[in-house]
Amino acid sequence: MINFGTVKPGTTLIIPFHTFSSDDPSASITITGLATTDIEVYKDGGNTTRASDTGYALLGTNGIDEYGTGVHGFSVDLSSNAVDDFYENGSQYFVVIASITVDGATVNFIAATWDIGYQGALLNTVIATRTDATNFVLEEGSADDDAYNGCIVYIHDQASAVQFEIGVCDDYTGGTLSLSLLADPGIFVTVAGDNISLMPPANSTWIAATAQTAGDIPSRLVVLDAELTVISDQVVVVDQDTSDIKALLTPEISDIHSRLVVMDAELTVISDDVVLVKSDTSDTLSRLVVMDAELTVISDQVVVVDQDTSDIKALLTPEISDIHSRLVVLDAELTVISDDVVLVKSDTSDTLSRLVVMDAELTVISDQVVVVDQDTSDIKALLTPEISDIHSRLVVMDAELTVISDDVVLVKSDTSDTLSRLVVMDAELTVISDQIAIVKSDTLLWETTTTEPSGVPAVTETPHDKLAWLYMALRNKLTVTSGKKTFFDDGGGAEWEKDLSDDATTYEETKGNAI
């Protein structure tokens, strides 16, 4: 017995069988009495045979010994509609030979089994009732509403081996088994009883039964661009505040500005290195929180040093006090920028090992602060009321920042102790924004297309035009006749076509050509 599995509607099944001697099961033997009236097909386990022999045929001359002694055959044409609604999608069948004479004995046997439908379909059934070309009631289906929305719909003429049309399910109602197509395929006039198969959705147009638009991705990039613009604006504000601070500095401490310029250049190099190693790591944030806490402890220690050197502060001029207050404002603004930068930190393979190094470096810094505290009394004796005392303190600060800078170069990683160095983020974010603008201007893929290509698709097209041709073919009107497949533009005008041929063995489409 042959099990054909699932076969398409309208298929002609070729069914061979063989016979052997009752005395020697290895010896093939001929038969007598084979006729189409001996072919009986049963449906869905019922015991009533098909009421017509139309569509049955004996292979070769009479079906007997056609392929050598003892090898016989016949065929069953599933497109035969001599008995209405007998061959249907979703039904199971077996064929019995009853009866023939083999080695002097009358025998009956099952020759083959099959079911009808399209392989891979979510549902194989038939149209129970038809309202119009796009609205049907199915014989069977899911009880859930919208279960088949977006599915590809194959409708196969119940009386044809090759005639079918393809549509897309726009809506499905489980309670009534009602199905609506997105558009009329327009290949042939469907009727109740035609076979229908529902295939899984084959493209991203349908997600969770919702039609997506081509502009979703560009619109999200616009939002991202707006967020980057806000960050850039915030950095511009910080930059402006920095300019105000510089304008307030007195000539007596102009060398402070020069030193800060040098430090700014060094921090630019550090920041560039940090940008190169930014990546995702699952524990970076938690480690940075710990580092923030350690820096807070160090800061508290520095406050103690400052308290112990209150006599030094008394010697500083009002200009230096103004600088201090301005730097406090700048530090707060850079803290905001640092928080934003934390959000974009990413993983690198050596982040963990470098953070360990940074932990050790922070310990060194803490020890240095302790040394500064111990040496405070000596510093008090050395400071003079003149502005040279301020310069000396800046020299010490410059040396300490150089140590920190060297440590950060080794680990190339963002830490919260580099808040003052993140001033340069405004330049970096401006570069990022400019790069996004360049990408958006260099490719039309970010923009919603307002015009369609026309004529025949060329052998070579731009990526943009290739997507446009594909979108037109999926969205716009498409007609298929026995010899032509025609593609239309949005206005309903025929743009190009393919020649079709089908010799019942090979279905062929030519390359696209002009109308």
Protein backbone atom coordinates (compact mmCIF):
# COMPACT_ATOMS: atom_id res chain seq x y z
CA MET A 1 0.00 0.00 0.00
CA ILE A 2 1.21 3.49 -0.88
CA ASN A 3 0.72 6.41 1.52
CA PHE A 4 0.91 9.61 -0.56
CA GLY A 5 0.53 11.88 2.50
CA THR A 6 -0.90 15.34 1.73
CA VAL A 7 -1.48 16.01 -2.00
CA LYS A 8 -2.63 19.21 -3.70
CA PRO A 9 -6.23 19.52 -4.90
CA GLY A 10 -6.67 18.32 -8.49
CA THR A 11 -3.62 16.02 -8.40
CA THR A 12 -3.68 12.88 -10.56
CA LEU A 13 -2.34 10.01 -8.45
CA ILE A 14 -0.36 7.27 -10.23
CA ILE A 15 -0.89 4.07 -8.19
CA PRO A 16 1.18 0.97 -9.05
CA PHE A 17 0.77 -2.39 -7.30
CA HIS A 18 2.23 -5.87 -7.64
CA THR A 19 1.00 -9.46 -7.24
CA PHE A 20 2.78 -12.69 -6.24
CA SER A 21 2.15 -16.43 -6.42
CA SER A 22 0.35 -18.02 -3.48
CA ASP A 23 2.78 -20.95 -3.70
CA ASP A 24 5.94 -18.80 -3.90
CA PRO A 25 5.61 -15.27 -2.40
CA SER A 26 8.84 -14.26 -4.19
CA ALA A 27 7.44 -15.10 -7.64
CA SER A 28 5.54 -12.37 -9.48
CA ILE A 29 2.34 -13.43 -11.17
CA THR A 30 -0.14 -11.83 -13.54
CA ILE A 31 -3.79 -11.02 -12.78
CA THR A 32 -7.09 -11.09 -14.61
CA GLY A 33 -10.25 -9.05 -14.41
CA LEU A 34 -8.80 -5.57 -13.64
CA ALA A 35 -11.24 -2.82 -14.72
CA THR A 36 -12.01 0.75 -13.61
CA THR A 37 -15.16 -0.61 -11.96
CA ASP A 38 -12.86 -2.48 -9.55
CA ILE A 39 -11.49 0.85 -8.24
CA GLU A 40 -13.36 2.02 -5.15
CA VAL A 41 -12.48 5.25 -3.24
CA TYR A 42 -13.63 5.83 0.36
CA LYS A 43 -13.70 9.20 2.18
CA ASP A 44 -13.06 10.15 5.85
CA GLY A 45 -13.46 6.59 7.13
CA GLY A 46 -16.95 6.13 5.67
CA ASN A 47 -17.97 2.80 4.13
CA THR A 48 -19.78 4.28 1.11
CA THR A 49 -17.73 4.36 -2.07
CA ARG A 50 -17.60 7.25 -4.53
CA ALA A 51 -20.69 7.07 -6.72
CA SER A 52 -18.89 7.43 -10.06
CA ASP A 53 -15.94 5.81 -11.81
CA THR A 54 -15.20 8.97 -13.79
CA GLY A 55 -11.61 10.05 -13.19
CA TYR A 56 -10.28 6.47 -12.82
CA ALA A 57 -8.00 5.08 -15.52
CA LEU A 58 -5.93 1.95 -16.12
CA LEU A 59 -2.31 2.66 -16.94
CA GLY A 60 -0.99 1.64 -20.35
CA THR A 61 -3.18 -0.73 -22.36
CA ASN A 62 -5.24 -2.38 -19.64
CA GLY A 63 -3.27 -1.75 -16.44
CA ILE A 64 -2.06 -5.39 -16.23
CA ASP A 65 1.64 -6.30 -16.37
CA GLU A 66 2.38 -2.84 -17.79
CA TYR A 67 5.75 -2.69 -16.04
CA GLY A 68 6.65 -6.38 -16.17
CA THR A 69 4.93 -9.53 -15.00
CA GLY A 70 3.06 -8.93 -11.80
CA VAL A 71 3.47 -5.11 -11.84
CA HIS A 72 0.24 -3.26 -12.63
CA GLY A 73 -1.19 0.20 -12.22
CA PHE A 74 -4.06 2.69 -12.39
CA SER A 75 -4.62 6.41 -11.77
CA VAL A 76 -7.12 8.56 -9.85
CA ASP A 77 -7.81 12.14 -11.03
CA LEU A 78 -8.74 14.29 -8.01
CA SER A 79 -9.93 17.13 -10.28
CA SER A 80 -12.87 15.00 -11.43
CA ASN A 81 -16.03 16.61 -10.05
CA ALA A 82 -18.47 13.99 -11.32
CA VAL A 83 -19.57 13.56 -7.71
CA ASP A 84 -20.08 17.03 -6.19
CA ASP A 85 -17.90 17.93 -3.20
CA PHE A 86 -16.34 14.45 -2.93
CA TYR A 87 -12.69 15.46 -3.28
CA GLU A 88 -12.24 18.22 -0.64
CA ASN A 89 -9.41 19.94 1.21
CA GLY A 90 -8.89 18.49 4.68
CA SER A 91 -10.46 15.08 3.94
CA GLN A 92 -8.74 11.67 4.05
CA TYR A 93 -9.12 8.91 1.43
CA PHE A 94 -8.11 5.33 0.63
CA VAL A 95 -8.62 3.34 -2.56
CA VAL A 96 -9.52 -0.37 -2.65
CA ILE A 97 -9.21 -2.82 -5.56
CA ALA A 98 -12.32 -5.04 -5.36
CA SER A 99 -12.12 -7.52 -6.88
CA ILE A 100 -9.46 -9.12 -9.13
CA THR A 101 -8.29 -12.69 -9.71
CA VAL A 102 -4.75 -13.53 -8.62
CA ASP A 103 -3.40 -17.10 -8.96
CA GLY A 104 -6.95 -18.43 -9.24
CA ALA A 105 -8.16 -16.60 -6.15
CA THR A 106 -10.40 -13.53 -5.84
CA VAL A 107 -8.67 -10.84 -3.77
CA ASN A 108 -9.49 -7.36 -2.43
CA PHE A 109 -6.83 -5.01 -1.06
CA ILE A 110 -6.07 -1.38 -0.15
CA ALA A 111 -3.82 0.13 -2.81
CA ALA A 112 -3.19 3.66 -1.50
CA THR A 113 -4.15 6.36 1.04
CA TRP A 114 -3.88 10.18 0.95
CA ASP A 115 -5.38 13.41 2.23
CA ILE A 116 -6.02 16.58 0.23
CA GLY A 117 -4.52 20.00 1.00
CA TYR A 118 -1.37 22.10 0.78
CA GLN A 119 1.59 20.92 2.86
CA GLY A 120 2.58 23.41 5.55
CA ALA A 121 -0.89 24.97 5.70
CA LEU A 122 -2.34 26.06 9.04
CA LEU A 123 -5.76 24.96 7.78
CA ASN A 124 -6.97 22.92 4.78
CA THR A 125 -10.74 23.17 4.27
CA VAL A 126 -13.38 24.27 1.72
CA ILE A 127 -15.60 27.32 1.18
CA ALA A 128 -18.97 26.52 2.76
CA THR A 129 -20.73 29.66 1.48
CA ARG A 130 -19.56 32.59 -0.65
CA THR A 131 -20.84 36.16 -0.26
CA ASP A 132 -18.60 37.75 -2.90
CA ALA A 133 -15.06 37.53 -4.26
CA THR A 134 -13.47 38.54 -0.92
CA ASN A 135 -15.90 37.22 1.72
CA PHE A 136 -16.46 33.53 2.56
CA VAL A 137 -17.66 31.25 5.33
CA LEU A 138 -15.35 28.27 5.88
CA GLU A 139 -16.49 24.71 6.53
CA GLU A 140 -13.96 24.39 9.36
CA GLY A 141 -11.62 26.73 11.25
CA SER A 142 -10.40 28.19 14.52
CA ALA A 143 -12.89 29.53 17.07
CA ASP A 144 -10.59 32.49 17.84
CA ASP A 145 -11.17 35.87 16.20
CA ASP A 146 -8.28 37.18 14.05
CA ALA A 147 -6.56 33.76 14.21
CA TYR A 148 -5.73 33.86 10.50
CA ASN A 149 -5.22 37.61 9.98
CA GLY A 150 -2.27 38.19 7.65
CA CYS A 151 -2.21 34.56 6.45
CA ILE A 152 -1.64 33.80 2.75
CA VAL A 153 -4.84 32.27 1.31
CA TYR A 154 -4.69 29.65 -1.47
CA ILE A 155 -8.07 29.09 -3.19
CA HIS A 156 -8.03 26.08 -5.57
CA ASP A 157 -10.82 25.38 -8.06
CA GLN A 158 -12.41 22.10 -6.98
CA ALA A 159 -12.77 20.99 -10.62
CA SER A 160 -9.26 21.91 -11.84
CA ALA A 161 -5.79 20.53 -11.49
CA VAL A 162 -4.01 23.88 -11.94
CA GLN A 163 -6.43 26.78 -11.45
CA PHE A 164 -5.92 28.63 -8.18
CA GLU A 165 -5.58 32.15 -6.82
CA ILE A 166 -3.69 33.67 -3.91
CA GLY A 167 -4.87 36.38 -1.51
CA VAL A 168 -4.20 37.67 2.01
CA CYS A 169 -6.60 37.29 4.95
CA ASP A 170 -7.65 40.74 6.16
CA ASP A 171 -10.04 39.64 8.92
CA TYR A 172 -11.34 36.42 10.45
CA THR A 173 -14.28 35.87 12.83
CA GLY A 174 -14.07 32.62 14.78
CA GLY A 175 -17.69 32.50 15.88
CA THR A 176 -19.03 32.36 12.32
CA LEU A 177 -15.88 31.02 10.55
CA SER A 178 -16.08 34.10 8.31
CA LEU A 179 -12.99 35.16 6.36
CA SER A 180 -12.37 38.38 4.41
CA LEU A 181 -9.57 38.89 1.88
CA LEU A 182 -7.54 42.08 1.73
CA ALA A 183 -8.29 42.30 -2.01
CA ASP A 184 -9.88 40.24 -4.80
CA PRO A 185 -7.13 38.12 -6.44
CA GLY A 186 -9.25 38.25 -9.62
CA ILE A 187 -7.99 34.97 -11.16
CA PHE A 188 -11.29 33.05 -11.39
CA VAL A 189 -14.81 33.18 -9.96
CA THR A 190 -14.86 31.17 -6.76
CA VAL A 191 -17.87 29.10 -5.67
CA ALA A 192 -18.96 27.21 -2.59
CA GLY A 193 -17.07 23.93 -2.46
CA ASP A 194 -13.77 25.33 -3.75
CA ASN A 195 -10.73 24.25 -1.76
CA ILE A 196 -9.07 26.84 0.50
CA SER A 197 -5.76 26.61 2.40
CA LEU A 198 -4.42 29.14 4.92
CA MET A 199 -0.62 29.45 4.98
CA PRO A 200 1.44 31.27 7.66
CA PRO A 201 2.18 34.98 6.99
CA ALA A 202 5.28 35.25 4.80
CA ASN A 203 6.43 38.83 5.46
CA SER A 204 6.79 41.44 8.22
CA THR A 205 3.85 43.53 6.96
CA TRP A 206 1.68 41.77 9.56
CA ILE A 207 2.83 41.70 13.19
CA ALA A 208 0.36 40.62 15.89
CA ALA A 209 -2.43 40.98 13.28
CA THR A 210 -1.53 44.65 12.81
CA ALA A 211 -0.37 46.17 9.54
CA GLN A 212 2.98 47.96 9.93
CA THR A 213 3.99 51.10 8.04
CA ALA A 214 7.24 51.71 6.18
CA GLY A 215 7.87 54.90 8.18
CA ASP A 216 8.14 53.30 11.63
CA ILE A 217 11.96 52.99 11.68
CA PRO A 218 12.68 56.52 10.37
CA SER A 219 10.25 58.01 12.89
CA ARG A 220 12.07 56.28 15.73
CA LEU A 221 15.39 57.63 14.45
CA VAL A 222 13.87 61.12 14.44
CA VAL A 223 13.07 60.66 18.15
CA LEU A 224 16.64 59.52 18.81
CA ASP A 225 17.98 62.52 16.89
CA ALA A 226 15.81 64.84 19.01
CA GLU A 227 17.14 63.27 22.22
CA LEU A 228 20.73 63.75 21.05
CA THR A 229 19.91 67.36 20.20
CA VAL A 230 18.67 67.91 23.78
CA ILE A 231 21.92 66.46 25.14
CA SER A 232 23.92 68.67 22.77
CA ASP A 233 21.95 71.72 23.92
CA GLN A 234 22.70 70.87 27.55
CA VAL A 235 26.38 70.63 26.75
CA VAL A 236 26.21 73.99 24.96
CA VAL A 237 24.78 75.49 28.17
CA VAL A 238 27.69 74.02 30.13
CA ASP A 239 30.09 75.43 27.56
CA GLN A 240 28.50 78.88 27.90
CA ASP A 241 28.74 78.72 31.70
CA THR A 242 32.41 77.84 31.33
CA SER A 243 32.92 80.91 29.13
CA ASP A 244 31.26 83.09 31.79
CA ILE A 245 33.61 81.72 34.44
CA LYS A 246 36.63 82.45 32.25
CA ALA A 247 35.41 86.04 31.70
CA LEU A 248 35.25 86.62 35.47
CA LEU A 249 38.79 85.48 36.18
CA THR A 250 41.11 88.35 37.03
CA PRO A 251 44.45 89.06 35.29
CA GLU A 252 46.24 88.07 38.48
CA ILE A 253 45.18 84.44 38.00
CA SER A 254 45.33 84.34 34.20
CA ASP A 255 47.93 81.60 34.47
CA ILE A 256 45.18 79.45 36.04
CA HIS A 257 43.33 79.62 32.72
CA SER A 258 46.51 78.60 30.86
CA ARG A 259 46.93 75.61 33.14
CA LEU A 260 43.30 74.63 32.68
CA VAL A 261 43.74 74.84 28.89
CA VAL A 262 46.62 72.38 29.16
CA MET A 263 44.53 70.12 31.39
CA ASP A 264 41.62 70.42 28.96
CA ALA A 265 43.81 69.20 26.10
CA GLU A 266 45.02 66.27 28.22
CA LEU A 267 41.46 65.38 29.17
CA THR A 268 40.46 65.51 25.47
CA VAL A 269 43.01 62.78 24.78
CA ILE A 270 41.74 60.81 27.77
CA SER A 271 38.14 61.16 26.64
CA ASP A 272 39.00 60.01 23.10
CA ASP A 273 40.57 56.87 24.56
CA VAL A 274 37.56 56.31 26.80
CA VAL A 275 35.19 56.57 23.80
CA LEU A 276 37.14 53.78 22.04
CA VAL A 277 36.52 51.28 24.86
CA LYS A 278 32.92 52.02 25.78
CA SER A 279 30.85 48.83 25.76
CA ASP A 280 28.23 46.87 27.67
CA THR A 281 29.10 45.11 30.94
CA SER A 282 26.57 43.74 33.35
CA ASP A 283 28.38 44.88 36.49
CA THR A 284 29.93 48.16 35.30
CA LEU A 285 27.17 50.30 36.80
CA SER A 286 27.34 48.58 40.18
CA ARG A 287 31.13 48.94 40.26
CA LEU A 288 30.89 52.60 39.29
CA VAL A 289 28.42 53.14 42.15
CA VAL A 290 31.03 51.68 44.50
CA MET A 291 33.65 53.94 42.95
CA ASP A 292 31.35 56.96 43.39
CA ALA A 293 31.08 56.06 47.07
CA GLU A 294 34.87 55.81 47.35
CA LEU A 295 35.27 59.15 45.62
CA THR A 296 32.77 60.61 48.08
CA VAL A 297 34.96 59.37 50.93
CA ILE A 298 37.99 60.92 49.25
CA SER A 299 36.03 64.15 48.76
CA ASP A 300 35.11 64.15 52.45
CA GLN A 301 38.78 63.73 53.29
CA VAL A 302 39.63 66.66 51.05
CA VAL A 303 36.96 68.71 52.88
CA VAL A 304 38.75 67.89 56.13
CA VAL A 305 41.98 69.09 54.57
CA ASP A 306 40.23 72.27 53.47
CA GLN A 307 38.88 72.81 56.98
CA ASP A 308 42.38 72.33 58.41
CA THR A 309 43.67 74.92 55.97
CA SER A 310 41.10 77.60 56.76
CA ASP A 311 43.92 80.05 57.33
CA ILE A 312 45.01 79.39 53.74
CA LYS A 313 41.50 80.18 52.45
CA ALA A 314 41.57 83.44 54.37
CA LEU A 315 44.59 84.46 52.36
CA LEU A 316 42.87 83.87 49.02
CA THR A 317 41.55 86.92 47.22
CA PRO A 318 37.82 87.45 46.41
CA GLU A 319 38.67 86.58 42.80
CA ILE A 320 39.71 83.06 43.80
CA SER A 321 36.50 82.67 45.84
CA ASP A 322 34.49 83.59 42.77
CA ILE A 323 36.38 80.99 40.74
CA HIS A 324 35.61 78.36 43.36
CA SER A 325 31.85 79.06 43.27
CA ARG A 326 31.85 78.98 39.48
CA LEU A 327 33.70 75.68 39.45
CA VAL A 328 31.12 74.26 41.86
CA VAL A 329 28.38 75.15 39.33
CA LEU A 330 30.41 73.60 36.51
CA ASP A 331 30.97 70.46 38.61
CA ALA A 332 27.20 70.08 39.12
CA GLU A 333 26.54 70.50 35.41
CA LEU A 334 29.21 67.97 34.55
CA THR A 335 27.64 65.56 37.06
CA VAL A 336 24.43 65.69 34.98
CA ILE A 337 26.45 64.99 31.84
CA SER A 338 28.23 62.12 33.63
CA ASP A 339 24.85 60.57 34.54
CA ASP A 340 23.87 60.72 30.87
CA VAL A 341 27.17 59.15 29.84
CA VAL A 342 26.61 56.28 32.33
CA LEU A 343 23.53 55.34 30.28
CA VAL A 344 25.65 54.67 27.19
CA LYS A 345 28.41 52.63 28.80
CA SER A 346 28.88 49.23 27.14
CA ASP A 347 30.62 45.92 27.62
CA THR A 348 34.29 45.23 26.81
CA SER A 349 36.18 42.03 27.37
CA ASP A 350 38.69 43.69 29.68
CA THR A 351 36.37 46.05 31.62
CA LEU A 352 36.38 43.95 34.78
CA SER A 353 40.17 43.67 34.94
CA ARG A 354 40.55 47.41 34.29
CA LEU A 355 38.04 48.26 37.02
CA VAL A 356 40.17 46.22 39.43
CA VAL A 357 43.15 48.37 38.41
CA MET A 358 41.04 51.49 38.97
CA ASP A 359 40.08 50.25 42.46
CA ALA A 360 43.79 49.98 43.24
CA GLU A 361 44.43 53.44 41.78
CA LEU A 362 41.64 54.97 43.87
CA THR A 363 43.28 53.43 46.93
CA VAL A 364 46.54 55.13 45.94
CA ILE A 365 44.68 58.44 45.53
CA SER A 366 43.11 58.00 48.97
CA ASP A 367 46.56 57.35 50.46
CA GLN A 368 47.86 60.47 48.76
CA VAL A 369 45.06 62.52 50.33
CA VAL A 370 46.09 61.17 53.73
CA VAL A 371 49.64 62.29 52.99
CA VAL A 372 48.31 65.73 52.02
CA ASP A 373 46.45 65.88 55.34
CA GLN A 374 49.61 64.99 57.26
CA ASP A 375 51.59 67.59 55.36
CA THR A 376 48.99 70.34 55.87
CA SER A 377 50.88 72.00 58.73
CA ASP A 378 53.99 72.28 56.59
CA ILE A 379 51.95 73.78 53.74
CA LYS A 380 50.48 76.42 56.10
CA ALA A 381 53.97 77.60 57.05
CA LEU A 382 55.07 77.83 53.43
CA LEU A 383 52.12 79.78 52.03
CA THR A 384 52.45 83.54 51.72
CA PRO A 385 49.73 86.20 51.35
CA GLU A 386 50.90 86.89 47.80
CA ILE A 387 49.22 85.33 44.77
CA SER A 388 52.27 83.05 44.41
CA ASP A 389 50.70 80.92 47.17
CA ILE A 390 47.72 80.31 44.87
CA HIS A 391 50.06 79.35 42.04
CA SER A 392 51.88 76.88 44.28
CA ARG A 393 48.60 75.19 45.23
CA LEU A 394 47.63 74.95 41.57
CA VAL A 395 50.99 73.30 40.84
CA VAL A 396 50.15 70.63 43.44
CA MET A 397 46.64 70.21 41.97
CA ASP A 398 48.14 69.97 38.47
CA ALA A 399 50.50 67.20 39.60
CA GLU A 400 47.65 65.28 41.25
CA LEU A 401 45.47 65.52 38.15
CA THR A 402 48.41 64.32 36.04
CA VAL A 403 48.65 61.19 38.22
CA ILE A 404 44.91 60.60 37.84
CA SER A 405 45.16 61.18 34.07
CA ASP A 406 47.98 58.63 33.74
CA ASP A 407 45.95 56.07 35.69
CA VAL A 408 42.87 56.62 33.55
CA VAL A 409 44.95 56.21 30.34
CA LEU A 410 45.95 52.74 31.58
CA VAL A 411 42.35 51.56 32.05
CA LYS A 412 40.64 53.59 29.30
CA SER A 413 37.31 53.60 31.10
CA ASP A 414 34.74 56.08 32.29
CA THR A 415 34.75 56.75 36.04
CA SER A 416 32.86 59.31 38.02
CA ASP A 417 36.11 60.97 39.16
CA THR A 418 36.50 62.37 35.61
CA LEU A 419 33.48 64.68 35.92
CA SER A 420 35.57 67.77 35.25
CA ARG A 421 37.00 66.09 32.13
CA LEU A 422 33.60 65.39 30.59
CA VAL A 423 33.39 69.04 29.50
CA VAL A 424 34.58 67.80 26.12
CA MET A 425 31.41 65.68 25.79
CA ASP A 426 29.70 68.63 24.12
CA ALA A 427 32.13 68.37 21.19
CA GLU A 428 31.76 64.58 21.03
CA LEU A 429 27.96 64.64 21.09
CA THR A 430 28.01 67.36 18.42
CA VAL A 431 30.11 65.03 16.26
CA ILE A 432 27.62 62.18 16.88
CA SER A 433 24.70 64.42 15.90
CA ASP A 434 26.57 65.55 12.76
CA GLN A 435 27.30 61.94 11.81
CA ILE A 436 23.63 61.00 12.18
CA ALA A 437 22.71 63.97 9.99
CA ILE A 438 25.25 62.83 7.37
CA VAL A 439 23.86 59.26 7.40
CA LYS A 440 20.31 60.54 7.06
CA SER A 441 21.29 62.81 4.17
CA ASP A 442 23.43 60.17 2.39
CA THR A 443 20.70 57.50 2.10
CA LEU A 444 17.11 57.72 1.03
CA LEU A 445 16.35 54.59 3.05
CA TRP A 446 15.59 56.81 6.09
CA GLU A 447 12.85 58.70 4.28
CA THR A 448 9.31 57.80 3.27
CA THR A 449 9.21 57.50 -0.54
CA THR A 450 6.66 59.75 -2.23
CA THR A 451 7.12 58.46 -5.79
CA GLU A 452 7.16 54.97 -7.29
CA PRO A 453 9.60 53.65 -9.91
CA SER A 454 8.12 53.08 -13.36
CA GLY A 455 8.71 50.90 -16.38
CA VAL A 456 10.44 47.51 -16.13
CA PRO A 457 12.81 46.69 -13.22
CA ALA A 458 16.39 46.83 -14.48
CA VAL A 459 19.08 44.20 -13.93
CA THR A 460 20.93 46.67 -11.68
CA GLU A 461 19.00 48.93 -9.35
CA THR A 462 19.89 50.93 -6.24
CA PRO A 463 18.97 49.31 -2.90
CA HIS A 464 16.29 51.98 -2.51
CA ASP A 465 14.70 51.16 -5.90
CA LYS A 466 14.92 47.42 -5.25
CA LEU A 467 12.90 47.89 -2.04
CA ALA A 468 10.47 50.16 -3.92
CA TRP A 469 9.88 47.52 -6.65
CA LEU A 470 9.32 44.84 -3.98
CA TYR A 471 6.92 47.08 -2.05
CA MET A 472 4.95 47.90 -5.23
CA ALA A 473 4.62 44.19 -6.07
CA LEU A 474 3.36 43.39 -2.55
CA ARG A 475 1.03 46.38 -2.18
CA ASN A 476 -0.39 47.30 -5.57
CA LYS A 477 -2.78 45.58 -7.91
CA LEU A 478 -1.60 42.33 -9.58
CA THR A 479 -3.46 40.44 -12.31
CA VAL A 480 -2.72 36.92 -13.52
CA THR A 481 -4.22 35.34 -16.64
CA SER A 482 -3.36 32.03 -18.27
CA GLY A 483 -0.48 33.69 -20.11
CA LYS A 484 0.35 36.97 -18.34
CA LYS A 485 1.15 38.30 -14.87
CA THR A 486 0.79 42.10 -14.86
CA PHE A 487 2.08 44.50 -12.17
CA PHE A 488 0.39 47.89 -11.59
CA ASP A 489 1.36 51.18 -9.98
CA ASP A 490 -0.54 52.95 -7.20
CA GLY A 491 -2.75 54.76 -9.70
CA GLY A 492 -3.84 51.49 -11.33
CA GLY A 493 -1.64 51.82 -14.43
CA ALA A 494 0.08 48.67 -15.78
CA GLU A 495 3.87 49.11 -15.45
CA TRP A 496 5.39 45.75 -16.50
CA GLU A 497 4.53 42.09 -16.98
CA LYS A 498 5.77 38.49 -17.06
CA ASP A 499 4.85 35.85 -19.62
CA LEU A 500 3.49 32.62 -18.08
CA SER A 501 3.45 29.04 -19.34
CA ASP A 502 2.33 25.73 -17.86
CA ASP A 503 2.54 22.38 -19.66
CA ALA A 504 1.05 20.54 -16.62
CA THR A 505 4.59 19.54 -15.63
CA THR A 506 6.46 22.84 -15.30
CA TYR A 507 5.03 26.22 -14.42
CA GLU A 508 7.30 28.99 -15.72
CA GLU A 509 7.51 32.79 -15.45
CA THR A 510 9.76 34.81 -17.78
CA LYS A 511 11.83 37.82 -16.75
CA GLY A 512 9.96 41.11 -16.41
CA ASN A 513 9.27 42.81 -19.72
CA ALA A 514 7.54 45.91 -21.02
CA ILE A 515 3.77 46.02 -21.52
